[in-house]
Amino acid sequence: MKSAVIIGSIGVLAFASPAPAGDASGEITNAAMHAGLAAQASDIAGVHTHLHHTVNCLVGPGGAGFDAKELNPCANTGGGAIPDTADAATKQKLQDALAKANSGIAATDFASAQKDAAATEAALKTVK
């Protein structure tokens, strides 16, 4: 009987615990990787595709700019690097990288889009 009570108590504790926080560091690394892939893409469609992946990792499914039609490479690591980050300075760096990624998505010129992708990757690599 004691073991049933202990197991029952453990079960209650497991359900009462808050959901684990997202892996912001992993999301940032993944976002930077996709920004790098965007910078190395051979055409503007490739740049835009990988920058969408970058944005999805940064903002998460509940964030502004999330594109559900595009891959979310960070789907299993959290709710997005920006919402999963508590530090204000880090969050600002991520917002700055997001602005560069969005600029690259909006670009219609291949060279400009690649330049924004490279700037996004560089900005994300400075985030600790």
Protein backbone atom coordinates (compact mmCIF):
# COMPACT_ATOMS: atom_id res chain seq x y z
CA MET A 1 0.00 0.00 0.00
CA LYS A 2 2.85 2.40 0.81
CA SER A 3 4.33 1.95 -2.66
CA ALA A 4 0.97 2.81 -4.24
CA VAL A 5 0.83 6.04 -2.22
CA ILE A 6 4.40 6.93 -3.15
CA ILE A 7 3.81 6.22 -6.85
CA GLY A 8 0.57 8.19 -6.72
CA SER A 9 2.35 11.12 -5.10
CA ILE A 10 5.09 11.06 -7.72
CA GLY A 11 2.47 11.08 -10.45
CA VAL A 12 0.78 14.13 -8.92
CA LEU A 13 4.12 15.93 -8.67
CA ALA A 14 4.91 15.15 -12.29
CA PHE A 15 1.64 16.63 -13.46
CA ALA A 16 1.83 19.60 -11.10
CA SER A 17 5.29 20.64 -12.28
CA PRO A 18 5.47 23.46 -14.79
CA ALA A 19 6.38 22.60 -18.37
CA PRO A 20 10.12 22.66 -18.97
CA ALA A 21 11.49 25.86 -20.43
CA GLY A 22 12.50 25.93 -24.05
CA ASP A 23 16.05 25.48 -25.16
CA ALA A 24 16.78 29.05 -26.26
CA SER A 25 20.46 28.25 -26.81
CA GLY A 26 19.59 25.38 -29.14
CA GLU A 27 17.02 27.51 -30.94
CA ILE A 28 19.59 30.28 -31.46
CA THR A 29 22.14 27.80 -32.80
CA ASN A 30 19.55 26.33 -35.16
CA ALA A 31 18.44 29.79 -36.30
CA ALA A 32 22.06 30.76 -37.00
CA MET A 33 22.60 27.57 -38.99
CA HIS A 34 19.59 28.34 -41.20
CA ALA A 35 20.70 31.94 -41.65
CA GLY A 36 24.06 30.55 -42.81
CA LEU A 37 22.29 28.22 -45.24
CA ALA A 38 20.35 31.23 -46.51
CA ALA A 39 23.58 33.17 -47.02
CA GLN A 40 25.01 30.27 -49.04
CA ALA A 41 21.87 29.63 -51.12
CA SER A 42 22.25 29.68 -54.88
CA ASP A 43 19.06 31.62 -55.58
CA ILE A 44 16.71 34.04 -53.87
CA ALA A 45 14.10 31.35 -53.24
CA GLY A 46 16.65 29.41 -51.18
CA VAL A 47 17.61 32.54 -49.26
CA HIS A 48 13.98 33.27 -48.46
CA THR A 49 13.22 29.66 -47.49
CA HIS A 50 16.06 29.41 -44.98
CA LEU A 51 15.38 32.89 -43.59
CA HIS A 52 11.78 31.79 -42.94
CA HIS A 53 13.21 28.84 -41.00
CA THR A 54 15.38 31.29 -39.07
CA VAL A 55 12.40 33.50 -38.23
CA ASN A 56 10.34 30.50 -37.15
CA CYS A 57 13.11 29.47 -34.73
CA LEU A 58 13.37 32.98 -33.35
CA VAL A 59 9.70 33.83 -32.84
CA GLY A 60 8.13 30.41 -32.31
CA PRO A 61 4.63 29.35 -33.32
CA GLY A 62 2.93 32.08 -31.29
CA GLY A 63 5.15 34.91 -32.50
CA ALA A 64 4.68 37.65 -35.05
CA GLY A 65 6.06 36.60 -38.39
CA PHE A 66 5.82 32.85 -37.77
CA ASP A 67 5.00 31.15 -41.08
CA ALA A 68 3.22 27.85 -40.58
CA LYS A 69 3.68 27.05 -44.28
CA GLU A 70 7.43 26.95 -43.72
CA LEU A 71 9.49 24.43 -41.75
CA ASN A 72 10.00 25.12 -38.06
CA PRO A 73 13.34 23.44 -37.37
CA CYS A 74 12.95 24.33 -33.69
CA ALA A 75 9.51 22.75 -33.23
CA ASN A 76 10.77 20.26 -30.65
CA THR A 77 13.08 22.58 -28.71
CA GLY A 78 10.75 25.24 -27.37
CA GLY A 79 8.45 28.12 -28.14
CA GLY A 80 10.99 30.24 -30.03
CA ALA A 81 14.31 31.74 -28.99
CA ILE A 82 12.86 35.18 -28.30
CA PRO A 83 9.98 34.05 -26.06
CA ASP A 84 12.24 31.45 -24.39
CA THR A 85 14.86 34.08 -23.49
CA ALA A 86 14.53 35.95 -20.18
CA ASP A 87 17.60 38.19 -20.41
CA ALA A 88 16.64 41.62 -21.84
CA ALA A 89 20.00 42.25 -23.54
CA THR A 90 19.96 38.85 -25.23
CA LYS A 91 16.34 39.33 -26.26
CA GLN A 92 17.29 42.65 -27.89
CA LYS A 93 20.11 41.00 -29.86
CA LEU A 94 17.64 38.39 -31.05
CA GLN A 95 15.17 41.09 -32.06
CA ASP A 96 17.94 42.81 -34.05
CA ALA A 97 18.76 39.53 -35.83
CA LEU A 98 15.06 39.02 -36.51
CA ALA A 99 14.87 42.45 -38.15
CA LYS A 100 17.79 41.50 -40.45
CA ALA A 101 16.14 38.19 -41.32
CA ASN A 102 12.87 39.94 -42.12
CA SER A 103 14.74 42.43 -44.26
CA GLY A 104 16.25 39.55 -46.22
CA ILE A 105 12.84 37.95 -46.68
CA ALA A 106 11.47 41.25 -47.99
CA ALA A 107 14.40 41.75 -50.37
CA THR A 108 13.73 41.12 -54.04
CA ASP A 109 17.38 41.40 -55.02
CA PHE A 110 19.42 38.21 -54.56
CA ALA A 111 22.60 39.98 -53.42
CA SER A 112 20.71 42.09 -50.86
CA ALA A 113 18.87 39.06 -49.50
CA GLN A 114 22.15 37.14 -49.15
CA LYS A 115 23.79 40.11 -47.43
CA ASP A 116 20.94 40.29 -44.90
CA ALA A 117 21.16 36.53 -44.37
CA ALA A 118 24.89 36.77 -43.67
CA ALA A 119 24.27 39.67 -41.27
CA THR A 120 21.59 37.63 -39.52
CA GLU A 121 23.96 34.68 -39.12
CA ALA A 122 26.73 36.94 -37.78
CA ALA A 123 24.37 38.59 -35.30
CA LEU A 124 23.09 35.25 -34.02
CA LYS A 125 26.60 33.90 -33.59
CA THR A 126 27.38 36.75 -31.16
CA VAL A 127 24.45 35.83 -28.90
CA LYS A 128 25.51 33.83 -25.86
